[in-house]
Amino acid sequence: MTALLEVDGLVAHYGRIRALENLSLRVEEGEIVTLIGANGAGKTTTLRAISGLVRASKGRIRFDGSDISHEPAHRIVRAGIGHSPEGRHVFARMSVRENLELGAYIGNSRAQFAADLERVLAIFPRLRERLTQRSGTLSGGEQQMLAMGRALMSRPRLLMLDEPSLGLSPILVQTIFRVIREINGHGTTVLLIEQNARQALGIATRGYVLELGRIVHEDSAANLMASEAVRAAYLGGGAA
């Protein structure tokens, strides 16, 4: 059976520094898969390589059976991969609506855009109240909602989320994780990087542990949560 996303033997560099070393993973349609690991482990680079923002030195990336290893980023979006990056990167001087319009740049009809906008605003009601507001004036939580909503405007089959709860209050963290579940429940597959490994494993189907650009462990989320080694390294120790 062909996975929705297959990464095989991926090697990537930043200058002379090797950031990914023979990395392989797969994501089945309908899953939430999480990547956990310390800062500098290669998690963000993995997402950037999949979305075409970092060029792989070796290896292959397949999406829905097609090789996208050397496709430019805009074609990867068209293929069905959305990416909400670490740090949100909203366009601060543009309104919330204008940011969402940029997410739909792949050429949807006016009717499709209206339907997609309504779907995103139903998921993030706060954005409906802020449509004409400059994005730079939003709170951190609202900017995260906007970044995720912008990625959803391209109707992705796979949504990649990089640290969606970073810097948010505990209440907003719970909101973001509830929304991730909701997005997945509506049929979007999710590949998730999250500093809060316990929260990520709590909603994920499976997980991969990265160290220094390599996959060192792969298992169901439940088994990773129960692993003493994973708990000690990434979950703060103690019972899960």
C-alpha atoms as a PDB file:
ATOM      1  CA  MET A   1       0.000   0.000   0.000  1.00  0.00           C
ATOM      2  CA  THR A   2       1.379   3.432  -0.972  1.00  0.00           C
ATOM      3  CA  ALA A   3       1.612   5.952   1.850  1.00  0.00           C
ATOM      4  CA  LEU A   4       0.401   9.496   1.290  1.00  0.00           C
ATOM      5  CA  LEU A   5       3.930  10.746   2.074  1.00  0.00           C
ATOM      6  CA  GLU A   6       7.116   8.693   1.784  1.00  0.00           C
ATOM      7  CA  VAL A   7      10.559  10.082   2.586  1.00  0.00           C
ATOM      8  CA  ASP A   8      13.411   7.726   1.733  1.00  0.00           C
ATOM      9  CA  GLY A   9      17.088   8.213   2.577  1.00  0.00           C
ATOM     10  CA  LEU A  10      16.895  12.007   2.804  1.00  0.00           C
ATOM     11  CA  VAL A  11      20.153  13.928   3.203  1.00  0.00           C
ATOM     12  CA  ALA A  12      20.158  17.738   3.483  1.00  0.00           C
ATOM     13  CA  HIS A  13      22.788  20.362   4.259  1.00  0.00           C
ATOM     14  CA  TYR A  14      22.988  23.944   5.452  1.00  0.00           C
ATOM     15  CA  GLY A  15      26.264  24.930   3.822  1.00  0.00           C
ATOM     16  CA  ARG A  16      28.786  22.341   5.000  1.00  0.00           C
ATOM     17  CA  ILE A  17      26.653  21.258   7.932  1.00  0.00           C
ATOM     18  CA  ARG A  18      24.732  18.039   7.340  1.00  0.00           C
ATOM     19  CA  ALA A  19      21.287  18.622   8.855  1.00  0.00           C
ATOM     20  CA  LEU A  20      19.596  15.345   7.807  1.00  0.00           C
ATOM     21  CA  GLU A  21      21.338  11.995   7.588  1.00  0.00           C
ATOM     22  CA  ASN A  22      19.618   9.201   5.630  1.00  0.00           C
ATOM     23  CA  LEU A  23      16.217  10.092   7.072  1.00  0.00           C
ATOM     24  CA  SER A  24      13.226   7.935   6.125  1.00  0.00           C
ATOM     25  CA  LEU A  25       9.615   8.197   7.253  1.00  0.00           C
ATOM     26  CA  ARG A  26       6.096   7.632   5.998  1.00  0.00           C
ATOM     27  CA  VAL A  27       2.711   9.160   6.726  1.00  0.00           C
ATOM     28  CA  GLU A  28      -0.474   7.275   5.875  1.00  0.00           C
ATOM     29  CA  GLU A  29      -3.594   9.095   4.788  1.00  0.00           C
ATOM     30  CA  GLY A  30      -5.712  10.162   7.758  1.00  0.00           C
ATOM     31  CA  GLU A  31      -2.938   9.966  10.346  1.00  0.00           C
ATOM     32  CA  ILE A  32      -1.491  12.504  12.722  1.00  0.00           C
ATOM     33  CA  VAL A  33       2.241  11.794  12.833  1.00  0.00           C
ATOM     34  CA  THR A  34       4.560  13.726  15.138  1.00  0.00           C
ATOM     35  CA  LEU A  35       8.303  14.324  15.013  1.00  0.00           C
ATOM     36  CA  ILE A  36       9.927  14.796  18.414  1.00  0.00           C
ATOM     37  CA  GLY A  37      13.499  15.581  19.368  1.00  0.00           C
ATOM     38  CA  ALA A  38      15.737  18.212  20.899  1.00  0.00           C
ATOM     39  CA  ASN A  39      16.414  21.583  19.277  1.00  0.00           C
ATOM     40  CA  GLY A  40      18.745  21.063  16.326  1.00  0.00           C
ATOM     41  CA  ALA A  41      17.640  17.469  15.764  1.00  0.00           C
ATOM     42  CA  GLY A  42      16.471  18.222  12.207  1.00  0.00           C
ATOM     43  CA  LYS A  43      12.719  18.405  12.664  1.00  0.00           C
ATOM     44  CA  THR A  44      12.179  21.780  11.008  1.00  0.00           C
ATOM     45  CA  THR A  45      14.638  20.922   8.231  1.00  0.00           C
ATOM     46  CA  THR A  46      12.607  17.790   7.496  1.00  0.00           C
ATOM     47  CA  LEU A  47       9.440  19.831   6.935  1.00  0.00           C
ATOM     48  CA  ARG A  48      11.306  22.430   4.909  1.00  0.00           C
ATOM     49  CA  ALA A  49      12.763  19.720   2.679  1.00  0.00           C
ATOM     50  CA  ILE A  50       9.341  18.155   2.118  1.00  0.00           C
ATOM     51  CA  SER A  51       7.860  21.542   1.168  1.00  0.00           C
ATOM     52  CA  GLY A  52      10.706  22.391  -1.221  1.00  0.00           C
ATOM     53  CA  LEU A  53      12.257  25.177   0.868  1.00  0.00           C
ATOM     54  CA  VAL A  54      15.431  23.159   1.456  1.00  0.00           C
ATOM     55  CA  ARG A  55      16.922  21.116  -1.377  1.00  0.00           C
ATOM     56  CA  ALA A  56      17.793  17.522  -0.537  1.00  0.00           C
ATOM     57  CA  SER A  57      21.340  16.427  -1.386  1.00  0.00           C
ATOM     58  CA  LYS A  58      20.247  12.801  -1.647  1.00  0.00           C
ATOM     59  CA  GLY A  59      17.115  10.741  -1.190  1.00  0.00           C
ATOM     60  CA  ARG A  60      13.565  10.818  -2.463  1.00  0.00           C
ATOM     61  CA  ILE A  61      10.288  12.348  -1.368  1.00  0.00           C
ATOM     62  CA  ARG A  62       7.064  10.924  -2.760  1.00  0.00           C
ATOM     63  CA  PHE A  63       3.616  12.380  -2.247  1.00  0.00           C
ATOM     64  CA  ASP A  64       0.597  10.321  -3.266  1.00  0.00           C
ATOM     65  CA  GLY A  65       2.928   8.138  -5.325  1.00  0.00           C
ATOM     66  CA  SER A  66       4.587  10.985  -7.253  1.00  0.00           C
ATOM     67  CA  ASP A  67       8.222  12.007  -6.817  1.00  0.00           C
ATOM     68  CA  ILE A  68       8.326  15.627  -5.602  1.00  0.00           C
ATOM     69  CA  SER A  69      11.989  15.617  -4.550  1.00  0.00           C
ATOM     70  CA  HIS A  70      13.008  18.307  -7.042  1.00  0.00           C
ATOM     71  CA  GLU A  71       9.737  20.199  -7.443  1.00  0.00           C
ATOM     72  CA  PRO A  72       9.653  23.911  -6.545  1.00  0.00           C
ATOM     73  CA  ALA A  73       7.716  24.949  -3.469  1.00  0.00           C
ATOM     74  CA  HIS A  74       4.692  26.360  -5.321  1.00  0.00           C
ATOM     75  CA  ARG A  75       4.154  23.086  -7.185  1.00  0.00           C
ATOM     76  CA  ILE A  76       4.364  21.162  -3.931  1.00  0.00           C
ATOM     77  CA  VAL A  77       1.569  23.359  -2.564  1.00  0.00           C
ATOM     78  CA  ARG A  78      -0.448  22.624  -5.698  1.00  0.00           C
ATOM     79  CA  ALA A  79       0.169  18.909  -5.177  1.00  0.00           C
ATOM     80  CA  GLY A  80      -1.620  19.129  -1.822  1.00  0.00           C
ATOM     81  CA  ILE A  81       0.924  19.904   0.920  1.00  0.00           C
ATOM     82  CA  GLY A  82       0.327  22.869   3.226  1.00  0.00           C
ATOM     83  CA  HIS A  83       3.018  24.153   5.600  1.00  0.00           C
ATOM     84  CA  SER A  84       2.480  26.349   8.656  1.00  0.00           C
ATOM     85  CA  PRO A  85       6.051  27.315   9.631  1.00  0.00           C
ATOM     86  CA  GLU A  86       7.650  27.857  12.998  1.00  0.00           C
ATOM     87  CA  GLY A  87       7.330  31.505  14.020  1.00  0.00           C
ATOM     88  CA  ARG A  88       4.033  31.974  12.074  1.00  0.00           C
ATOM     89  CA  HIS A  89       5.506  34.407   9.495  1.00  0.00           C
ATOM     90  CA  VAL A  90       2.284  36.295   8.893  1.00  0.00           C
ATOM     91  CA  PHE A  91       2.497  39.403   6.704  1.00  0.00           C
ATOM     92  CA  ALA A  92       2.235  42.003   9.445  1.00  0.00           C
ATOM     93  CA  ARG A  93       1.108  44.983   7.350  1.00  0.00           C
ATOM     94  CA  MET A  94      -1.558  43.032   5.514  1.00  0.00           C
ATOM     95  CA  SER A  95      -5.012  42.326   6.886  1.00  0.00           C
ATOM     96  CA  VAL A  96      -6.134  38.934   8.098  1.00  0.00           C
ATOM     97  CA  ARG A  97      -8.226  38.517   4.954  1.00  0.00           C
ATOM     98  CA  GLU A  98      -5.290  39.425   2.702  1.00  0.00           C
ATOM     99  CA  ASN A  99      -3.105  36.848   4.439  1.00  0.00           C
ATOM    100  CA  LEU A 100      -5.786  34.212   3.887  1.00  0.00           C
ATOM    101  CA  GLU A 101      -6.089  35.241   0.244  1.00  0.00           C
ATOM    102  CA  LEU A 102      -2.368  34.580  -0.185  1.00  0.00           C
ATOM    103  CA  GLY A 103      -2.933  31.060   1.094  1.00  0.00           C
ATOM    104  CA  ALA A 104      -5.425  30.517  -1.728  1.00  0.00           C
ATOM    105  CA  TYR A 105      -3.068  31.779  -4.448  1.00  0.00           C
ATOM    106  CA  ILE A 106      -3.099  28.452  -6.331  1.00  0.00           C
ATOM    107  CA  GLY A 107      -6.006  29.625  -8.454  1.00  0.00           C
ATOM    108  CA  ASN A 108      -9.259  28.648  -6.812  1.00  0.00           C
ATOM    109  CA  SER A 109     -12.393  30.097  -8.365  1.00  0.00           C
ATOM    110  CA  ARG A 110     -14.233  32.854  -6.523  1.00  0.00           C
ATOM    111  CA  ALA A 111     -16.810  30.342  -5.320  1.00  0.00           C
ATOM    112  CA  GLN A 112     -14.099  27.957  -4.095  1.00  0.00           C
ATOM    113  CA  PHE A 113     -12.320  30.797  -2.315  1.00  0.00           C
ATOM    114  CA  ALA A 114     -15.538  31.839  -0.568  1.00  0.00           C
ATOM    115  CA  ALA A 115     -16.171  28.242   0.530  1.00  0.00           C
ATOM    116  CA  ASP A 116     -12.594  27.787   1.743  1.00  0.00           C
ATOM    117  CA  LEU A 117     -12.659  31.092   3.591  1.00  0.00           C
ATOM    118  CA  GLU A 118     -15.893  30.158   5.326  1.00  0.00           C
ATOM    119  CA  ARG A 119     -14.435  26.770   6.313  1.00  0.00           C
ATOM    120  CA  VAL A 120     -11.344  28.399   7.835  1.00  0.00           C
ATOM    121  CA  LEU A 121     -13.422  31.008   9.683  1.00  0.00           C
ATOM    122  CA  ALA A 122     -15.647  28.254  11.056  1.00  0.00           C
ATOM    123  CA  ILE A 123     -12.541  26.534  12.450  1.00  0.00           C
ATOM    124  CA  PHE A 124     -11.087  29.818  13.778  1.00  0.00           C
ATOM    125  CA  PRO A 125     -14.033  32.068  14.739  1.00  0.00           C
ATOM    126  CA  ARG A 126     -11.619  34.617  16.218  1.00  0.00           C
ATOM    127  CA  LEU A 127     -10.310  35.366  12.734  1.00  0.00           C
ATOM    128  CA  ARG A 128     -13.801  36.278  11.543  1.00  0.00           C
ATOM    129  CA  GLU A 129     -13.798  39.100  14.089  1.00  0.00           C
ATOM    130  CA  ARG A 130     -10.383  40.267  12.857  1.00  0.00           C
ATOM    131  CA  LEU A 131     -10.733  40.026   9.063  1.00  0.00           C
ATOM    132  CA  THR A 132      -9.943  43.666   8.350  1.00  0.00           C
ATOM    133  CA  GLN A 133      -7.344  44.030  11.112  1.00  0.00           C
ATOM    134  CA  ARG A 134      -3.626  44.211  10.323  1.00  0.00           C
ATOM    135  CA  SER A 135      -2.046  40.876  11.113  1.00  0.00           C
ATOM    136  CA  GLY A 136       0.849  42.451  12.984  1.00  0.00           C
ATOM    137  CA  THR A 137      -1.565  43.708  15.642  1.00  0.00           C
ATOM    138  CA  LEU A 138      -2.936  40.244  16.441  1.00  0.00           C
ATOM    139  CA  SER A 139      -1.996  38.373  19.598  1.00  0.00           C
ATOM    140  CA  GLY A 140       0.421  35.449  19.340  1.00  0.00           C
ATOM    141  CA  GLY A 141      -2.419  32.958  19.506  1.00  0.00           C
ATOM    142  CA  GLU A 142      -4.376  34.768  16.817  1.00  0.00           C
ATOM    143  CA  GLN A 143      -1.303  34.886  14.574  1.00  0.00           C
ATOM    144  CA  GLN A 144      -0.908  31.124  15.009  1.00  0.00           C
ATOM    145  CA  MET A 145      -4.537  30.610  14.035  1.00  0.00           C
ATOM    146  CA  LEU A 146      -3.945  32.813  10.994  1.00  0.00           C
ATOM    147  CA  ALA A 147      -0.835  30.864   9.959  1.00  0.00           C
ATOM    148  CA  MET A 148      -2.730  27.587  10.198  1.00  0.00           C
ATOM    149  CA  GLY A 149      -5.753  29.045   8.435  1.00  0.00           C
ATOM    150  CA  ARG A 150      -3.582  30.389   5.622  1.00  0.00           C
ATOM    151  CA  ALA A 151      -2.090  26.927   5.105  1.00  0.00           C
ATOM    152  CA  LEU A 152      -5.583  25.416   5.025  1.00  0.00           C
ATOM    153  CA  MET A 153      -6.724  27.820   2.293  1.00  0.00           C
ATOM    154  CA  SER A 154      -4.842  25.752  -0.305  1.00  0.00           C
ATOM    155  CA  ARG A 155      -7.020  22.704   0.555  1.00  0.00           C
ATOM    156  CA  PRO A 156      -4.054  20.535   1.551  1.00  0.00           C
ATOM    157  CA  ARG A 157      -4.331  16.786   1.856  1.00  0.00           C
ATOM    158  CA  LEU A 158      -1.288  16.943   4.159  1.00  0.00           C
ATOM    159  CA  LEU A 159      -0.914  19.811   6.637  1.00  0.00           C
ATOM    160  CA  MET A 160       2.549  20.234   8.172  1.00  0.00           C
ATOM    161  CA  LEU A 161       2.630  22.199  11.432  1.00  0.00           C
ATOM    162  CA  ASP A 162       5.891  23.423  12.966  1.00  0.00           C
ATOM    163  CA  GLU A 163       5.622  24.286  16.678  1.00  0.00           C
ATOM    164  CA  PRO A 164       2.003  25.496  16.624  1.00  0.00           C
ATOM    165  CA  SER A 165       1.838  26.015  20.406  1.00  0.00           C
ATOM    166  CA  LEU A 166       5.158  27.850  20.788  1.00  0.00           C
ATOM    167  CA  GLY A 167       4.831  30.856  23.098  1.00  0.00           C
ATOM    168  CA  LEU A 168       1.103  30.442  23.722  1.00  0.00           C
ATOM    169  CA  SER A 169      -0.743  30.430  27.029  1.00  0.00           C
ATOM    170  CA  PRO A 170      -1.906  27.044  28.383  1.00  0.00           C
ATOM    171  CA  ILE A 171      -5.514  27.824  27.459  1.00  0.00           C
ATOM    172  CA  LEU A 172      -4.577  28.664  23.855  1.00  0.00           C
ATOM    173  CA  VAL A 173      -2.391  25.562  23.651  1.00  0.00           C
ATOM    174  CA  GLN A 174      -5.444  23.446  24.433  1.00  0.00           C
ATOM    175  CA  THR A 175      -7.401  25.343  21.767  1.00  0.00           C
ATOM    176  CA  ILE A 176      -4.720  24.737  19.130  1.00  0.00           C
ATOM    177  CA  PHE A 177      -4.569  21.007  19.867  1.00  0.00           C
ATOM    178  CA  ARG A 178      -8.359  20.760  19.771  1.00  0.00           C
ATOM    179  CA  VAL A 179      -8.300  22.447  16.367  1.00  0.00           C
ATOM    180  CA  ILE A 180      -5.617  20.054  15.082  1.00  0.00           C
ATOM    181  CA  ARG A 181      -7.851  17.139  16.040  1.00  0.00           C
ATOM    182  CA  GLU A 182     -10.791  18.830  14.324  1.00  0.00           C
ATOM    183  CA  ILE A 183      -8.823  19.450  11.125  1.00  0.00           C
ATOM    184  CA  ASN A 184      -7.713  15.832  11.092  1.00  0.00           C
ATOM    185  CA  GLY A 185     -11.252  14.654  11.818  1.00  0.00           C
ATOM    186  CA  HIS A 186     -12.408  16.450   8.663  1.00  0.00           C
ATOM    187  CA  GLY A 187      -9.989  14.390   6.570  1.00  0.00           C
ATOM    188  CA  THR A 188      -6.695  16.311   6.514  1.00  0.00           C
ATOM    189  CA  THR A 189      -3.583  14.292   7.306  1.00  0.00           C
ATOM    190  CA  VAL A 190      -1.213  16.043   9.725  1.00  0.00           C
ATOM    191  CA  LEU A 191       2.567  15.965  10.179  1.00  0.00           C
ATOM    192  CA  LEU A 192       3.330  17.764  13.443  1.00  0.00           C
ATOM    193  CA  ILE A 193       6.417  19.181  15.129  1.00  0.00           C
ATOM    194  CA  GLU A 194       5.710  20.265  18.672  1.00  0.00           C
ATOM    195  CA  GLN A 195       7.888  21.280  21.621  1.00  0.00           C
ATOM    196  CA  ASN A 196       5.270  19.817  23.961  1.00  0.00           C
ATOM    197  CA  ALA A 197       5.980  16.181  23.125  1.00  0.00           C
ATOM    198  CA  ARG A 198       3.443  14.885  25.620  1.00  0.00           C
ATOM    199  CA  GLN A 199       0.643  16.891  24.024  1.00  0.00           C
ATOM    200  CA  ALA A 200       1.762  15.884  20.532  1.00  0.00           C
ATOM    201  CA  LEU A 201       1.869  12.183  21.361  1.00  0.00           C
ATOM    202  CA  GLY A 202      -1.517  12.555  23.039  1.00  0.00           C
ATOM    203  CA  ILE A 203      -3.187  13.333  19.700  1.00  0.00           C
ATOM    204  CA  ALA A 204      -0.872  11.498  17.293  1.00  0.00           C
ATOM    205  CA  THR A 205      -1.273   8.097  15.674  1.00  0.00           C
ATOM    206  CA  ARG A 206       2.473   7.473  15.406  1.00  0.00           C
ATOM    207  CA  GLY A 207       5.711   9.264  16.136  1.00  0.00           C
ATOM    208  CA  TYR A 208       9.359   9.468  15.120  1.00  0.00           C
ATOM    209  CA  VAL A 209      12.214  10.478  17.422  1.00  0.00           C
ATOM    210  CA  LEU A 210      15.036  12.441  15.761  1.00  0.00           C
ATOM    211  CA  GLU A 211      18.587  12.928  17.014  1.00  0.00           C
ATOM    212  CA  LEU A 212      21.205  14.825  15.029  1.00  0.00           C
ATOM    213  CA  GLY A 213      19.310  14.483  11.759  1.00  0.00           C
ATOM    214  CA  ARG A 214      18.594  10.765  12.122  1.00  0.00           C
ATOM    215  CA  ILE A 215      15.499   8.781  13.041  1.00  0.00           C
ATOM    216  CA  VAL A 216      16.473   6.846  16.160  1.00  0.00           C
ATOM    217  CA  HIS A 217      13.065   5.490  17.147  1.00  0.00           C
ATOM    218  CA  GLU A 218       9.688   4.967  15.498  1.00  0.00           C
ATOM    219  CA  ASP A 219       6.543   3.559  17.058  1.00  0.00           C
ATOM    220  CA  SER A 220       2.893   4.147  17.804  1.00  0.00           C
ATOM    221  CA  ALA A 221       2.259   7.267  19.848  1.00  0.00           C
ATOM    222  CA  ALA A 222       1.018   5.144  22.751  1.00  0.00           C
ATOM    223  CA  ASN A 223       4.199   3.054  22.807  1.00  0.00           C
ATOM    224  CA  LEU A 224       6.424   6.138  22.606  1.00  0.00           C
ATOM    225  CA  MET A 225       4.479   7.692  25.478  1.00  0.00           C
ATOM    226  CA  ALA A 226       5.035   4.518  27.527  1.00  0.00           C
ATOM    227  CA  SER A 227       8.748   4.257  26.704  1.00  0.00           C
ATOM    228  CA  GLU A 228      10.956   5.016  29.714  1.00  0.00           C
ATOM    229  CA  ALA A 229      13.740   6.324  27.460  1.00  0.00           C
ATOM    230  CA  VAL A 230      11.392   8.684  25.598  1.00  0.00           C
ATOM    231  CA  ARG A 231       9.774   9.847  28.824  1.00  0.00           C
ATOM    232  CA  ALA A 232      13.140  10.581  30.396  1.00  0.00           C
ATOM    233  CA  ALA A 233      14.480  12.458  27.372  1.00  0.00           C
ATOM    234  CA  TYR A 234      11.413  14.328  26.091  1.00  0.00           C
ATOM    235  CA  LEU A 235       8.480  14.051  28.499  1.00  0.00           C
ATOM    236  CA  GLY A 236      10.096  15.121  31.750  1.00  0.00           C
ATOM    237  CA  GLY A 237      10.349  11.623  33.201  1.00  0.00           C
ATOM    238  CA  GLY A 238       7.848   9.936  35.477  1.00  0.00           C
ATOM    239  CA  ALA A 239       4.705   8.076  34.545  1.00  0.00           C
ATOM    240  CA  ALA A 240       3.045   9.042  31.291  1.00  0.00           C
END
